[in-house]
PDB file of N, CA and C in Angstrom:
ATOM      1  N   MET A   1      78.887 133.950  50.511  1.00  0.00           N
ATOM      2  CA  MET A   1      79.139 132.429  50.541  1.00  0.00           C
ATOM      3  C   MET A   1      77.979 131.520  51.257  1.00  0.00           C
ATOM      4  N   LEU A   2      77.627 130.930  50.617  1.00  0.00           N
ATOM      5  CA  LEU A   2      76.819 129.629  51.320  1.00  0.00           C
ATOM      6  C   LEU A   2      77.418 129.219  52.929  1.00  0.00           C
ATOM      7  N   THR A   3      76.297 129.016  54.167  1.00  0.00           N
ATOM      8  CA  THR A   3      76.514 128.628  55.507  1.00  0.00           C
ATOM      9  C   THR A   3      75.902 127.382  55.500  1.00  0.00           C
ATOM     10  N   HIS A   4      76.672 126.758  56.620  1.00  0.00           N
ATOM     11  CA  HIS A   4      75.756 125.595  56.884  1.00  0.00           C
ATOM     12  C   HIS A   4      74.464 125.418  56.874  1.00  0.00           C
ATOM     13  N   GLU A   5      73.800 126.923  58.103  1.00  0.00           N
ATOM     14  CA  GLU A   5      72.698 126.866  57.910  1.00  0.00           C
ATOM     15  C   GLU A   5      71.626 126.518  57.214  1.00  0.00           C
ATOM     16  N   GLU A   6      72.081 127.472  55.820  1.00  0.00           N
ATOM     17  CA  GLU A   6      71.764 127.661  54.581  1.00  0.00           C
ATOM     18  C   GLU A   6      70.945 125.571  53.490  1.00  0.00           C
ATOM     19  N   LEU A   7      72.582 124.968  54.122  1.00  0.00           N
ATOM     20  CA  LEU A   7      72.215 123.491  53.815  1.00  0.00           C
ATOM     21  C   LEU A   7      71.345 122.955  54.215  1.00  0.00           C
ATOM     22  N   TYR A   8      71.047 123.377  55.761  1.00  0.00           N
ATOM     23  CA  TYR A   8      70.124 122.451  56.323  1.00  0.00           C
ATOM     24  C   TYR A   8      68.697 123.173  55.905  1.00  0.00           C
ATOM     25  N   VAL A   9      68.622 124.015  55.692  1.00  0.00           N
ATOM     26  CA  VAL A   9      67.376 124.653  55.366  1.00  0.00           C
ATOM     27  C   VAL A   9      66.655 124.391  53.694  1.00  0.00           C
ATOM     28  N   TRP A  10      67.682 124.308  52.900  1.00  0.00           N
ATOM     29  CA  TRP A  10      67.594 124.077  51.666  1.00  0.00           C
ATOM     30  C   TRP A  10      67.791 122.478  50.847  1.00  0.00           C
ATOM     31  N   SER A  11      68.258 121.959  51.717  1.00  0.00           N
ATOM     32  CA  SER A  11      68.291 120.403  51.328  1.00  0.00           C
ATOM     33  C   SER A  11      67.354 119.645  51.576  1.00  0.00           C
ATOM     34  N   PRO A  12      66.210 119.538  51.765  1.00  0.00           N
ATOM     35  CA  PRO A  12      64.806 119.031  51.372  1.00  0.00           C
ATOM     36  C   PRO A  12      64.952 119.411  50.322  1.00  0.00           C
ATOM     37  N   ALA A  13      64.678 120.670  49.538  1.00  0.00           N
ATOM     38  CA  ALA A  13      63.801 120.590  48.561  1.00  0.00           C
ATOM     39  C   ALA A  13      65.085 120.263  47.267  1.00  0.00           C
ATOM     40  N   LEU A  14      66.366 120.215  47.751  1.00  0.00           N
ATOM     41  CA  LEU A  14      67.090 119.359  47.457  1.00  0.00           C
ATOM     42  C   LEU A  14      67.035 118.115  46.815  1.00  0.00           C
ATOM     43  N   GLU A  15      66.803 117.264  47.666  1.00  0.00           N
ATOM     44  CA  GLU A  15      66.256 116.022  47.367  1.00  0.00           C
ATOM     45  C   GLU A  15      65.007 116.008  46.906  1.00  0.00           C
ATOM     46  N   ALA A  16      64.332 116.913  46.787  1.00  0.00           N
ATOM     47  CA  ALA A  16      63.089 116.408  46.242  1.00  0.00           C
ATOM     48  C   ALA A  16      63.208 116.594  44.778  1.00  0.00           C
ATOM     49  N   PHE A  17      63.903 117.577  44.459  1.00  0.00           N
ATOM     50  CA  PHE A  17      64.346 117.563  42.626  1.00  0.00           C
ATOM     51  C   PHE A  17      64.938 116.627  42.606  1.00  0.00           C
ATOM     52  N   ALA A  18      66.001 115.897  43.198  1.00  0.00           N
ATOM     53  CA  ALA A  18      66.621 114.798  42.675  1.00  0.00           C
ATOM     54  C   ALA A  18      66.146 113.495  42.529  1.00  0.00           C
ATOM     55  N   LYS A  19      64.403 113.581  42.745  1.00  0.00           N
ATOM     56  CA  LYS A  19      63.826 112.810  42.796  1.00  0.00           C
ATOM     57  C   LYS A  19      63.014 112.394  41.864  1.00  0.00           C
ATOM     58  N   ARG A  20      63.028 113.841  41.227  1.00  0.00           N
ATOM     59  CA  ARG A  20      62.255 114.125  40.028  1.00  0.00           C
ATOM     60  C   ARG A  20      62.848 113.174  38.780  1.00  0.00           C
ATOM     61  N   ASP A  21      61.393 112.720  37.623  1.00  0.00           N
ATOM     62  CA  ASP A  21      62.119 112.618  36.716  1.00  0.00           C
ATOM     63  C   ASP A  21      62.879 113.096  35.829  1.00  0.00           C
ATOM     64  N   LEU A  22      64.190 113.465  35.909  1.00  0.00           N
ATOM     65  CA  LEU A  22      65.313 114.797  35.121  1.00  0.00           C
ATOM     66  C   LEU A  22      65.701 113.801  33.834  1.00  0.00           C
ATOM     67  N   PRO A  23      66.100 114.626  33.069  1.00  0.00           N
ATOM     68  CA  PRO A  23      67.009 113.900  31.698  1.00  0.00           C
ATOM     69  C   PRO A  23      68.153 113.253  32.807  1.00  0.00           C
ATOM     70  N   PHE A  24      68.838 112.254  32.427  1.00  0.00           N
ATOM     71  CA  PHE A  24      70.119 110.889  32.942  1.00  0.00           C
ATOM     72  C   PHE A  24      70.736 112.113  33.478  1.00  0.00           C
ATOM     73  N   ARG A  25      71.953 113.489  32.528  1.00  0.00           N
ATOM     74  CA  ARG A  25      72.628 113.907  32.812  1.00  0.00           C
ATOM     75  C   ARG A  25      72.590 114.583  34.364  1.00  0.00           C
ATOM     76  N   VAL A  26      71.215 115.926  34.139  1.00  0.00           N
ATOM     77  CA  VAL A  26      70.714 116.342  35.135  1.00  0.00           C
ATOM     78  C   VAL A  26      70.292 115.452  36.710  1.00  0.00           C
ATOM     79  N   SER A  27      70.276 114.417  36.130  1.00  0.00           N
ATOM     80  CA  SER A  27      69.944 113.443  37.154  1.00  0.00           C
ATOM     81  C   SER A  27      70.880 113.160  37.768  1.00  0.00           C
ATOM     82  N   LEU A  28      71.822 112.532  37.309  1.00  0.00           N
ATOM     83  CA  LEU A  28      72.998 112.489  37.794  1.00  0.00           C
ATOM     84  C   LEU A  28      74.075 113.715  38.552  1.00  0.00           C
ATOM     85  N   SER A  29      73.857 114.628  37.988  1.00  0.00           N
ATOM     86  CA  SER A  29      74.791 115.894  38.606  1.00  0.00           C
ATOM     87  C   SER A  29      73.573 116.032  40.089  1.00  0.00           C
ATOM     88  N   ALA A  30      72.428 116.209  39.586  1.00  0.00           N
ATOM     89  CA  ALA A  30      71.853 116.431  41.181  1.00  0.00           C
ATOM     90  C   ALA A  30      72.056 115.741  42.349  1.00  0.00           C
ATOM     91  N   GLY A  31      72.605 114.489  41.752  1.00  0.00           N
ATOM     92  CA  GLY A  31      72.305 112.981  43.374  1.00  0.00           C
ATOM     93  C   GLY A  31      74.079 113.329  43.234  1.00  0.00           C
ATOM     94  N   LYS A  32      74.838 113.950  42.843  1.00  0.00           N
ATOM     95  CA  LYS A  32      76.028 114.117  43.196  1.00  0.00           C
ATOM     96  C   LYS A  32      75.701 115.152  44.490  1.00  0.00           C
ATOM     97  N   ARG A  33      75.621 116.507  44.016  1.00  0.00           N
ATOM     98  CA  ARG A  33      75.137 117.353  44.869  1.00  0.00           C
ATOM     99  C   ARG A  33      74.217 116.668  45.816  1.00  0.00           C
ATOM    100  N   VAL A  34      73.214 116.012  45.955  1.00  0.00           N
ATOM    101  CA  VAL A  34      72.566 115.421  46.979  1.00  0.00           C
ATOM    102  C   VAL A  34      73.636 115.048  48.131  1.00  0.00           C
ATOM    103  N   LYS A  35      74.590 113.645  47.400  1.00  0.00           N
ATOM    104  CA  LYS A  35      75.491 113.272  48.126  1.00  0.00           C
ATOM    105  C   LYS A  35      76.317 113.850  49.133  1.00  0.00           C
ATOM    106  N   LEU A  36      76.841 115.367  48.582  1.00  0.00           N
ATOM    107  CA  LEU A  36      78.135 116.192  49.428  1.00  0.00           C
ATOM    108  C   LEU A  36      77.327 116.888  49.837  1.00  0.00           C
ATOM    109  N   VAL A  37      76.192 117.597  49.954  1.00  0.00           N
ATOM    110  CA  VAL A  37      75.344 118.108  51.199  1.00  0.00           C
ATOM    111  C   VAL A  37      74.908 117.026  52.280  1.00  0.00           C
ATOM    112  N   ARG A  38      74.781 116.072  51.540  1.00  0.00           N
ATOM    113  CA  ARG A  38      74.268 114.822  52.861  1.00  0.00           C
ATOM    114  C   ARG A  38      75.737 114.591  53.848  1.00  0.00           C
ATOM    115  N   SER A  39      76.656 114.753  52.982  1.00  0.00           N
ATOM    116  CA  SER A  39      78.409 114.794  53.462  1.00  0.00           C
ATOM    117  C   SER A  39      78.388 116.101  54.337  1.00  0.00           C
ATOM    118  N   LEU A  40      78.073 117.064  54.096  1.00  0.00           N
ATOM    119  CA  LEU A  40      78.470 118.209  55.111  1.00  0.00           C
ATOM    120  C   LEU A  40      77.712 118.224  55.793  1.00  0.00           C
ATOM    121  N   LEU A  41      76.237 117.749  56.035  1.00  0.00           N
ATOM    122  CA  LEU A  41      75.535 117.820  57.039  1.00  0.00           C
ATOM    123  C   LEU A  41      75.905 116.740  57.848  1.00  0.00           C
ATOM    124  N   LYS A  42      76.159 116.106  57.318  1.00  0.00           N
ATOM    125  CA  LYS A  42      76.878 114.613  58.701  1.00  0.00           C
ATOM    126  C   LYS A  42      77.926 115.451  59.260  1.00  0.00           C
ATOM    127  N   GLU A  43      78.796 115.822  58.749  1.00  0.00           N
ATOM    128  CA  GLU A  43      79.934 116.349  59.243  1.00  0.00           C
ATOM    129  C   GLU A  43      79.390 117.705  60.540  1.00  0.00           C
ATOM    130  N   VAL A  44      78.647 118.344  59.857  1.00  0.00           N
ATOM    131  CA  VAL A  44      77.906 119.398  61.096  1.00  0.00           C
ATOM    132  C   VAL A  44      77.108 118.582  62.351  1.00  0.00           C
ATOM    133  N   GLU A  45      76.296 117.797  61.772  1.00  0.00           N
ATOM    134  CA  GLU A  45      75.862 116.710  63.021  1.00  0.00           C
ATOM    135  C   GLU A  45      76.663 116.430  63.566  1.00  0.00           C
ATOM    136  N   GLU A  46      77.847 116.029  63.378  1.00  0.00           N
ATOM    137  CA  GLU A  46      78.997 114.972  64.372  1.00  0.00           C
ATOM    138  C   GLU A  46      79.880 116.388  65.471  1.00  0.00           C
ATOM    139  N   GLN A  47      79.916 117.679  64.497  1.00  0.00           N
ATOM    140  CA  GLN A  47      80.257 118.255  65.304  1.00  0.00           C
ATOM    141  C   GLN A  47      79.021 118.960  66.632  1.00  0.00           C
ATOM    142  N   ARG A  48      77.763 118.784  65.811  1.00  0.00           N
ATOM    143  CA  ARG A  48      76.615 119.607  66.635  1.00  0.00           C
ATOM    144  C   ARG A  48      76.682 118.979  68.222  1.00  0.00           C
ATOM    145  N   MET A  49      77.200 116.965  67.986  1.00  0.00           N
ATOM    146  CA  MET A  49      77.567 115.864  68.797  1.00  0.00           C
ATOM    147  C   MET A  49      78.017 116.391  69.816  1.00  0.00           C
ATOM    148  N   LYS A  50      79.727 116.316  69.206  1.00  0.00           N
ATOM    149  CA  LYS A  50      80.548 117.258  70.246  1.00  0.00           C
ATOM    150  C   LYS A  50      79.731 118.345  71.131  1.00  0.00           C
ATOM    151  N   LEU A  51      79.156 119.136  70.244  1.00  0.00           N
ATOM    152  CA  LEU A  51      78.769 120.162  71.779  1.00  0.00           C
ATOM    153  C   LEU A  51      78.548 119.729  72.149  1.00  0.00           C
ATOM    154  N   VAL A  52      77.019 118.968  72.171  1.00  0.00           N
ATOM    155  CA  VAL A  52      76.120 118.377  73.148  1.00  0.00           C
ATOM    156  C   VAL A  52      77.098 117.616  74.369  1.00  0.00           C
ATOM    157  N   GLU A  53      77.930 116.560  74.053  1.00  0.00           N
ATOM    158  CA  GLU A  53      78.801 115.907  75.157  1.00  0.00           C
ATOM    159  C   GLU A  53      79.800 117.205  75.797  1.00  0.00           C
ATOM    160  N   LYS A  54      80.085 118.200  75.032  1.00  0.00           N
ATOM    161  CA  LYS A  54      80.732 119.292  75.739  1.00  0.00           C
ATOM    162  C   LYS A  54      80.054 119.927  77.153  1.00  0.00           C
ATOM    163  N   HIS A  55      78.742 120.344  76.693  1.00  0.00           N
ATOM    164  CA  HIS A  55      77.687 120.735  77.291  1.00  0.00           C
ATOM    165  C   HIS A  55      76.628 120.443  78.237  1.00  0.00           C
ATOM    166  N   ALA A  56      76.663 119.159  78.116  1.00  0.00           N
ATOM    167  CA  ALA A  56      75.767 118.161  79.146  1.00  0.00           C
ATOM    168  C   ALA A  56      75.932 118.155  80.532  1.00  0.00           C
ATOM    169  N   GLU A  57      75.449 118.276  80.971  1.00  0.00           N
ATOM    170  CA  GLU A  57      75.039 117.517  82.545  1.00  0.00           C
ATOM    171  C   GLU A  57      75.821 116.731  82.530  1.00  0.00           C
ATOM    172  N   ARG A  58      76.770 116.444  83.664  1.00  0.00           N
ATOM    173  CA  ARG A  58      76.954 115.023  84.081  1.00  0.00           C
ATOM    174  C   ARG A  58      76.609 114.838  85.709  1.00  0.00           C
ATOM    175  N   ASP A  59      76.864 113.282  86.025  1.00  0.00           N
ATOM    176  CA  ASP A  59      76.370 112.894  87.398  1.00  0.00           C
ATOM    177  C   ASP A  59      77.624 113.213  88.172  1.00  0.00           C
ATOM    178  N   GLU A  60      77.224 112.353  89.553  1.00  0.00           N
ATOM    179  CA  GLU A  60      78.977 112.561  89.857  1.00  0.00           C
ATOM    180  C   GLU A  60      80.144 111.137  89.164  1.00  0.00           C
ATOM    181  N   ASP A  61      79.428 110.830  88.508  1.00  0.00           N
ATOM    182  CA  ASP A  61      80.037 109.371  87.947  1.00  0.00           C
ATOM    183  C   ASP A  61      80.972 109.877  86.754  1.00  0.00           C
ATOM    184  N   GLY A  62      80.448 111.451  86.200  1.00  0.00           N
ATOM    185  CA  GLY A  62      80.936 111.916  85.102  1.00  0.00           C
ATOM    186  C   GLY A  62      79.833 111.253  83.964  1.00  0.00           C
ATOM    187  N   GLU A  63      78.999 110.766  84.057  1.00  0.00           N
ATOM    188  CA  GLU A  63      77.950 110.579  82.988  1.00  0.00           C
ATOM    189  C   GLU A  63      77.240 111.301  82.469  1.00  0.00           C
ATOM    190  N   VAL A  64      76.651 111.215  81.286  1.00  0.00           N
ATOM    191  CA  VAL A  64      75.919 112.180  80.938  1.00  0.00           C
ATOM    192  C   VAL A  64      74.080 111.713  81.666  1.00  0.00           C
ATOM    193  N   VAL A  65      73.480 113.055  81.822  1.00  0.00           N
ATOM    194  CA  VAL A  65      72.481 113.508  82.462  1.00  0.00           C
ATOM    195  C   VAL A  65      71.561 112.972  81.244  1.00  0.00           C
ATOM    196  N   ARG A  66      70.742 112.603  81.410  1.00  0.00           N
ATOM    197  CA  ARG A  66      69.545 112.609  80.181  1.00  0.00           C
ATOM    198  C   ARG A  66      68.407 113.212  80.225  1.00  0.00           C
ATOM    199  N   ALA A  67      67.789 113.477  79.698  1.00  0.00           N
ATOM    200  CA  ALA A  67      66.514 114.767  79.894  1.00  0.00           C
ATOM    201  C   ALA A  67      65.433 113.450  79.574  1.00  0.00           C
ATOM    202  N   ASP A  68      64.283 114.504  79.975  1.00  0.00           N
ATOM    203  CA  ASP A  68      62.835 113.577  79.362  1.00  0.00           C
ATOM    204  C   ASP A  68      63.263 112.835  78.272  1.00  0.00           C
ATOM    205  N   GLY A  69      63.221 113.597  77.271  1.00  0.00           N
ATOM    206  CA  GLY A  69      63.089 113.145  75.843  1.00  0.00           C
ATOM    207  C   GLY A  69      63.846 111.912  75.303  1.00  0.00           C
ATOM    208  N   GLY A  70      64.838 111.872  76.046  1.00  0.00           N
ATOM    209  CA  GLY A  70      65.701 110.876  76.290  1.00  0.00           C
ATOM    210  C   GLY A  70      67.382 111.137  75.849  1.00  0.00           C
ATOM    211  N   GLY A  71      67.293 112.437  75.097  1.00  0.00           N
ATOM    212  CA  GLY A  71      69.045 113.422  74.877  1.00  0.00           C
ATOM    213  C   GLY A  71      69.358 113.850  75.815  1.00  0.00           C
ATOM    214  N   ALA A  72      70.502 114.131  75.988  1.00  0.00           N
ATOM    215  CA  ALA A  72      71.376 114.358  76.946  1.00  0.00           C
ATOM    216  C   ALA A  72      70.466 116.149  77.447  1.00  0.00           C
ATOM    217  N   LYS A  73      70.975 116.000  78.556  1.00  0.00           N
ATOM    218  CA  LYS A  73      70.499 117.116  79.691  1.00  0.00           C
ATOM    219  C   LYS A  73      71.438 118.162  79.411  1.00  0.00           C
ATOM    220  N   LEU A  74      71.301 119.684  79.278  1.00  0.00           N
ATOM    221  CA  LEU A  74      72.759 120.461  79.055  1.00  0.00           C
ATOM    222  C   LEU A  74      72.687 121.578  80.154  1.00  0.00           C
ATOM    223  N   ALA A  75      73.637 120.846  80.757  1.00  0.00           N
ATOM    224  CA  ALA A  75      74.129 122.286  81.619  1.00  0.00           C
ATOM    225  C   ALA A  75      74.475 124.001  81.671  1.00  0.00           C
ATOM    226  N   ASP A  76      74.375 123.794  80.163  1.00  0.00           N
ATOM    227  CA  ASP A  76      74.223 125.255  80.086  1.00  0.00           C
ATOM    228  C   ASP A  76      74.014 125.529  78.395  1.00  0.00           C
ATOM    229  N   ALA A  77      72.349 125.790  77.802  1.00  0.00           N
ATOM    230  CA  ALA A  77      71.679 125.533  77.430  1.00  0.00           C
ATOM    231  C   ALA A  77      72.196 126.653  76.259  1.00  0.00           C
ATOM    232  N   GLU A  78      71.982 127.734  76.918  1.00  0.00           N
ATOM    233  CA  GLU A  78      72.466 129.212  76.289  1.00  0.00           C
ATOM    234  C   GLU A  78      74.121 129.391  75.655  1.00  0.00           C
ATOM    235  N   ALA A  79      75.234 128.767  76.155  1.00  0.00           N
ATOM    236  CA  ALA A  79      76.463 128.056  75.774  1.00  0.00           C
ATOM    237  C   ALA A  79      75.736 127.545  74.518  1.00  0.00           C
ATOM    238  N   PHE A  80      75.545 126.112  74.372  1.00  0.00           N
ATOM    239  CA  PHE A  80      75.032 125.345  73.600  1.00  0.00           C
ATOM    240  C   PHE A  80      74.467 125.990  72.288  1.00  0.00           C
ATOM    241  N   GLN A  81      73.323 126.877  72.570  1.00  0.00           N
ATOM    242  CA  GLN A  81      73.018 127.309  71.537  1.00  0.00           C
ATOM    243  C   GLN A  81      73.371 128.255  70.713  1.00  0.00           C
ATOM    244  N   ARG A  82      74.304 128.880  71.579  1.00  0.00           N
ATOM    245  CA  ARG A  82      75.483 129.955  71.199  1.00  0.00           C
ATOM    246  C   ARG A  82      76.746 129.647  69.854  1.00  0.00           C
ATOM    247  N   GLU A  83      77.014 128.217  70.520  1.00  0.00           N
ATOM    248  CA  GLU A  83      78.183 127.947  69.875  1.00  0.00           C
ATOM    249  C   GLU A  83      77.519 127.163  68.616  1.00  0.00           C
ATOM    250  N   PHE A  84      76.544 126.198  68.813  1.00  0.00           N
ATOM    251  CA  PHE A  84      75.571 125.779  67.511  1.00  0.00           C
ATOM    252  C   PHE A  84      75.641 126.796  66.702  1.00  0.00           C
ATOM    253  N   LYS A  85      74.982 127.872  67.035  1.00  0.00           N
ATOM    254  CA  LYS A  85      74.828 129.067  65.872  1.00  0.00           C
ATOM    255  C   LYS A  85      75.858 129.217  65.157  1.00  0.00           C
ATOM    256  N   GLU A  86      77.274 129.626  65.601  1.00  0.00           N
ATOM    257  CA  GLU A  86      78.269 129.646  65.180  1.00  0.00           C
ATOM    258  C   GLU A  86      78.569 128.696  64.122  1.00  0.00           C
ATOM    259  N   LEU A  87      78.363 127.673  64.900  1.00  0.00           N
ATOM    260  CA  LEU A  87      78.924 126.515  63.699  1.00  0.00           C
ATOM    261  C   LEU A  87      77.725 126.515  62.397  1.00  0.00           C
ATOM    262  N   LEU A  88      76.546 126.751  62.661  1.00  0.00           N
ATOM    263  CA  LEU A  88      75.837 127.081  61.572  1.00  0.00           C
ATOM    264  C   LEU A  88      75.723 128.151  60.920  1.00  0.00           C
ATOM    265  N   GLU A  89      76.502 129.251  61.162  1.00  0.00           N
ATOM    266  CA  GLU A  89      76.983 130.538  60.747  1.00  0.00           C
ATOM    267  C   GLU A  89      78.344 130.232  59.648  1.00  0.00           C
ATOM    268  N   CYS A  90      78.836 129.235  59.808  1.00  0.00           N
ATOM    269  CA  CYS A  90      80.260 128.823  58.910  1.00  0.00           C
ATOM    270  C   CYS A  90      80.008 129.136  57.847  1.00  0.00           C
ATOM    271  N   PRO A  91      80.765 129.398  57.124  1.00  0.00           N
ATOM    272  CA  PRO A  91      80.757 129.212  55.612  1.00  0.00           C
ATOM    273  C   PRO A  91      81.214 127.541  55.123  1.00  0.00           C
ATOM    274  N   VAL A  92      80.406 126.968  54.054  1.00  0.00           N
ATOM    275  CA  VAL A  92      80.687 126.097  53.834  1.00  0.00           C
ATOM    276  C   VAL A  92      82.300 125.822  52.946  1.00  0.00           C
ATOM    277  N   GLU A  93      82.581 124.960  53.130  1.00  0.00           N
ATOM    278  CA  GLU A  93      84.143 125.311  52.380  1.00  0.00           C
ATOM    279  C   GLU A  93      84.626 124.861  50.953  1.00  0.00           C
ATOM    280  N   GLU A  94      83.680 123.677  50.718  1.00  0.00           N
ATOM    281  CA  GLU A  94      83.302 123.139  49.497  1.00  0.00           C
ATOM    282  C   GLU A  94      82.331 123.833  48.296  1.00  0.00           C
ATOM    283  N   GLU A  95      82.722 123.719  46.989  1.00  0.00           N
ATOM    284  CA  GLU A  95      81.891 124.806  46.323  1.00  0.00           C
ATOM    285  C   GLU A  95      81.130 123.430  45.374  1.00  0.00           C
ATOM    286  N   LEU A  96      79.446 124.041  45.887  1.00  0.00           N
ATOM    287  CA  LEU A  96      78.573 123.187  44.887  1.00  0.00           C
ATOM    288  C   LEU A  96      78.026 124.035  43.428  1.00  0.00           C
ATOM    289  N   ARG A  97      78.933 122.914  42.681  1.00  0.00           N
ATOM    290  CA  ARG A  97      78.946 123.557  41.306  1.00  0.00           C
ATOM    291  C   ARG A  97      77.961 123.778  40.889  1.00  0.00           C
ATOM    292  N   PRO A  98      77.401 124.512  39.541  1.00  0.00           N
ATOM    293  CA  PRO A  98      76.056 124.460  38.953  1.00  0.00           C
ATOM    294  C   PRO A  98      75.634 123.356  38.385  1.00  0.00           C
ATOM    295  N   ILE A  99      74.532 122.997  38.296  1.00  0.00           N
ATOM    296  CA  ILE A  99      74.147 121.896  37.106  1.00  0.00           C
ATOM    297  C   ILE A  99      74.043 121.983  36.132  1.00  0.00           C
ATOM    298  N   ASP A 100      74.376 121.696  34.889  1.00  0.00           N
ATOM    299  CA  ASP A 100      74.103 121.558  33.452  1.00  0.00           C
ATOM    300  C   ASP A 100      72.632 121.062  33.446  1.00  0.00           C
ATOM    301  N   TRP A 101      72.049 122.565  32.752  1.00  0.00           N
ATOM    302  CA  TRP A 101      70.349 122.286  32.686  1.00  0.00           C
ATOM    303  C   TRP A 101      70.151 122.022  31.034  1.00  0.00           C
ATOM    304  N   SER A 102      71.477 121.830  30.290  1.00  0.00           N
ATOM    305  CA  SER A 102      70.482 121.231  29.253  1.00  0.00           C
ATOM    306  C   SER A 102      69.884 120.128  29.000  1.00  0.00           C
ATOM    307  N   GLY A 103      68.877 120.352  28.404  1.00  0.00           N
ATOM    308  CA  GLY A 103      67.409 119.679  28.424  1.00  0.00           C
ATOM    309  C   GLY A 103      66.646 119.771  29.587  1.00  0.00           C
ATOM    310  N   LEU A 104      66.759 120.852  30.727  1.00  0.00           N
ATOM    311  CA  LEU A 104      65.794 120.643  31.366  1.00  0.00           C
ATOM    312  C   LEU A 104      64.956 121.924  31.250  1.00  0.00           C
ATOM    313  N   GLU A 105      65.358 122.714  30.193  1.00  0.00           N
ATOM    314  CA  GLU A 105      64.295 124.186  30.194  1.00  0.00           C
ATOM    315  C   GLU A 105      62.938 123.678  30.558  1.00  0.00           C
ATOM    316  N   ASP A 106      62.297 122.450  29.695  1.00  0.00           N
ATOM    317  CA  ASP A 106      61.187 122.306  29.458  1.00  0.00           C
ATOM    318  C   ASP A 106      60.419 121.938  30.801  1.00  0.00           C
ATOM    319  N   LYS A 107      61.279 121.639  31.751  1.00  0.00           N
ATOM    320  CA  LYS A 107      60.810 121.105  33.122  1.00  0.00           C
ATOM    321  C   LYS A 107      60.793 122.023  33.802  1.00  0.00           C
ATOM    322  N   MET A 108      61.674 123.525  33.523  1.00  0.00           N
ATOM    323  CA  MET A 108      61.294 123.865  34.923  1.00  0.00           C
ATOM    324  C   MET A 108      59.992 124.559  35.337  1.00  0.00           C
ATOM    325  N   PRO A 109      58.917 125.315  34.500  1.00  0.00           N
ATOM    326  CA  PRO A 109      57.743 125.690  34.806  1.00  0.00           C
ATOM    327  C   PRO A 109      57.187 124.686  35.671  1.00  0.00           C
ATOM    328  N   ASP A 110      57.380 123.634  35.436  1.00  0.00           N
ATOM    329  CA  ASP A 110      57.321 122.133  36.815  1.00  0.00           C
ATOM    330  C   ASP A 110      57.538 121.726  37.522  1.00  0.00           C
ATOM    331  N   LEU A 111      58.351 123.077  38.322  1.00  0.00           N
ATOM    332  CA  LEU A 111      59.232 123.032  39.070  1.00  0.00           C
ATOM    333  C   LEU A 111      58.093 123.442  40.335  1.00  0.00           C
ATOM    334  N   PRO A 112      58.133 123.058  41.754  1.00  0.00           N
ATOM    335  CA  PRO A 112      57.450 124.220  42.402  1.00  0.00           C
ATOM    336  C   PRO A 112      58.499 124.804  42.965  1.00  0.00           C
ATOM    337  N   ALA A 113      57.878 125.920  43.351  1.00  0.00           N
ATOM    338  CA  ALA A 113      58.861 127.286  43.848  1.00  0.00           C
ATOM    339  C   ALA A 113      59.593 127.056  44.856  1.00  0.00           C
ATOM    340  N   ASN A 114      59.550 126.278  45.810  1.00  0.00           N
ATOM    341  CA  ASN A 114      60.815 125.893  46.802  1.00  0.00           C
ATOM    342  C   ASN A 114      61.907 125.128  46.340  1.00  0.00           C
ATOM    343  N   GLU A 115      61.580 124.508  45.399  1.00  0.00           N
ATOM    344  CA  GLU A 115      62.497 123.683  44.596  1.00  0.00           C
ATOM    345  C   GLU A 115      63.426 124.286  43.916  1.00  0.00           C
ATOM    346  N   VAL A 116      63.158 125.812  43.372  1.00  0.00           N
ATOM    347  CA  VAL A 116      63.871 126.317  42.638  1.00  0.00           C
ATOM    348  C   VAL A 116      64.651 127.115  43.499  1.00  0.00           C
ATOM    349  N   ALA A 117      63.861 128.326  44.152  1.00  0.00           N
ATOM    350  CA  ALA A 117      64.318 128.899  45.197  1.00  0.00           C
ATOM    351  C   ALA A 117      65.411 128.051  45.990  1.00  0.00           C
ATOM    352  N   ALA A 118      65.317 126.872  46.047  1.00  0.00           N
ATOM    353  CA  ALA A 118      66.580 126.344  46.696  1.00  0.00           C
ATOM    354  C   ALA A 118      67.507 126.031  45.751  1.00  0.00           C
ATOM    355  N   LEU A 119      67.441 125.634  44.736  1.00  0.00           N
ATOM    356  CA  LEU A 119      68.411 125.948  44.042  1.00  0.00           C
ATOM    357  C   LEU A 119      68.595 126.601  43.392  1.00  0.00           C
ATOM    358  N   ILE A 120      68.717 127.667  43.459  1.00  0.00           N
ATOM    359  CA  ILE A 120      68.835 128.992  43.300  1.00  0.00           C
ATOM    360  C   ILE A 120      69.912 129.334  44.704  1.00  0.00           C
ATOM    361  N   ALA A 121      69.283 129.398  45.582  1.00  0.00           N
ATOM    362  CA  ALA A 121      69.624 129.590  47.103  1.00  0.00           C
ATOM    363  C   ALA A 121      71.558 128.968  47.102  1.00  0.00           C
ATOM    364  N   LEU A 122      71.343 127.375  46.504  1.00  0.00           N
ATOM    365  CA  LEU A 122      72.508 126.284  47.036  1.00  0.00           C
ATOM    366  C   LEU A 122      73.572 126.858  45.814  1.00  0.00           C
ATOM    367  N   GLY A 123      73.087 127.852  44.590  1.00  0.00           N
ATOM    368  CA  GLY A 123      73.866 128.267  43.951  1.00  0.00           C
ATOM    369  C   GLY A 123      74.151 126.805  42.612  1.00  0.00           C
ATOM    370  N   LEU A 124      73.070 126.487  42.556  1.00  0.00           N
ATOM    371  CA  LEU A 124      72.863 125.299  41.449  1.00  0.00           C
ATOM    372  C   LEU A 124      72.215 126.147  40.083  1.00  0.00           C
ATOM    373  N   ILE A 125      71.819 126.777  40.206  1.00  0.00           N
ATOM    374  CA  ILE A 125      70.988 127.495  39.011  1.00  0.00           C
ATOM    375  C   ILE A 125      71.389 129.089  39.387  1.00  0.00           C
ATOM    376  N   THR A 126      71.349 130.181  38.535  1.00  0.00           N
ATOM    377  CA  THR A 126      71.135 131.458  38.790  1.00  0.00           C
ATOM    378  C   THR A 126      69.804 131.802  38.302  1.00  0.00           C
ATOM    379  N   ASP A 127      69.407 133.240  38.879  1.00  0.00           N
ATOM    380  CA  ASP A 127      67.930 133.229  39.188  1.00  0.00           C
ATOM    381  C   ASP A 127      67.924 134.509  37.690  1.00  0.00           C
ATOM    382  N   GLU A 128      69.221 134.408  36.590  1.00  0.00           N
ATOM    383  CA  GLU A 128      69.365 135.330  35.589  1.00  0.00           C
ATOM    384  C   GLU A 128      67.418 134.308  34.173  1.00  0.00           C
TER     385      GLU A 128
END
């Protein structure tokens, strides 16, 4: 089953694929998959921000202490990393249905290997 971490890894290649000059039906299907992946990644980011709030170092007024880079300074970075890793390893509950490839067969050889790998990893095409 696909994990949130895999979405992070493969989403840039999916986005690149969806920007290609594709047959209309394939383009529409790819665009729908991109929107779903973006939505799922937004949810993961919201959960990550909750973890940041949970593990942020606080000053005497209860305000989050900022690190040099402007982000929150973590009181327990290891705990944050552990919980974030758990979040990334969670399976994606929504199903990314395969794309109907009718009419795309002649375009497949023109696709870069990373895009083909992403489409296979996300279950949008099979490697058969």
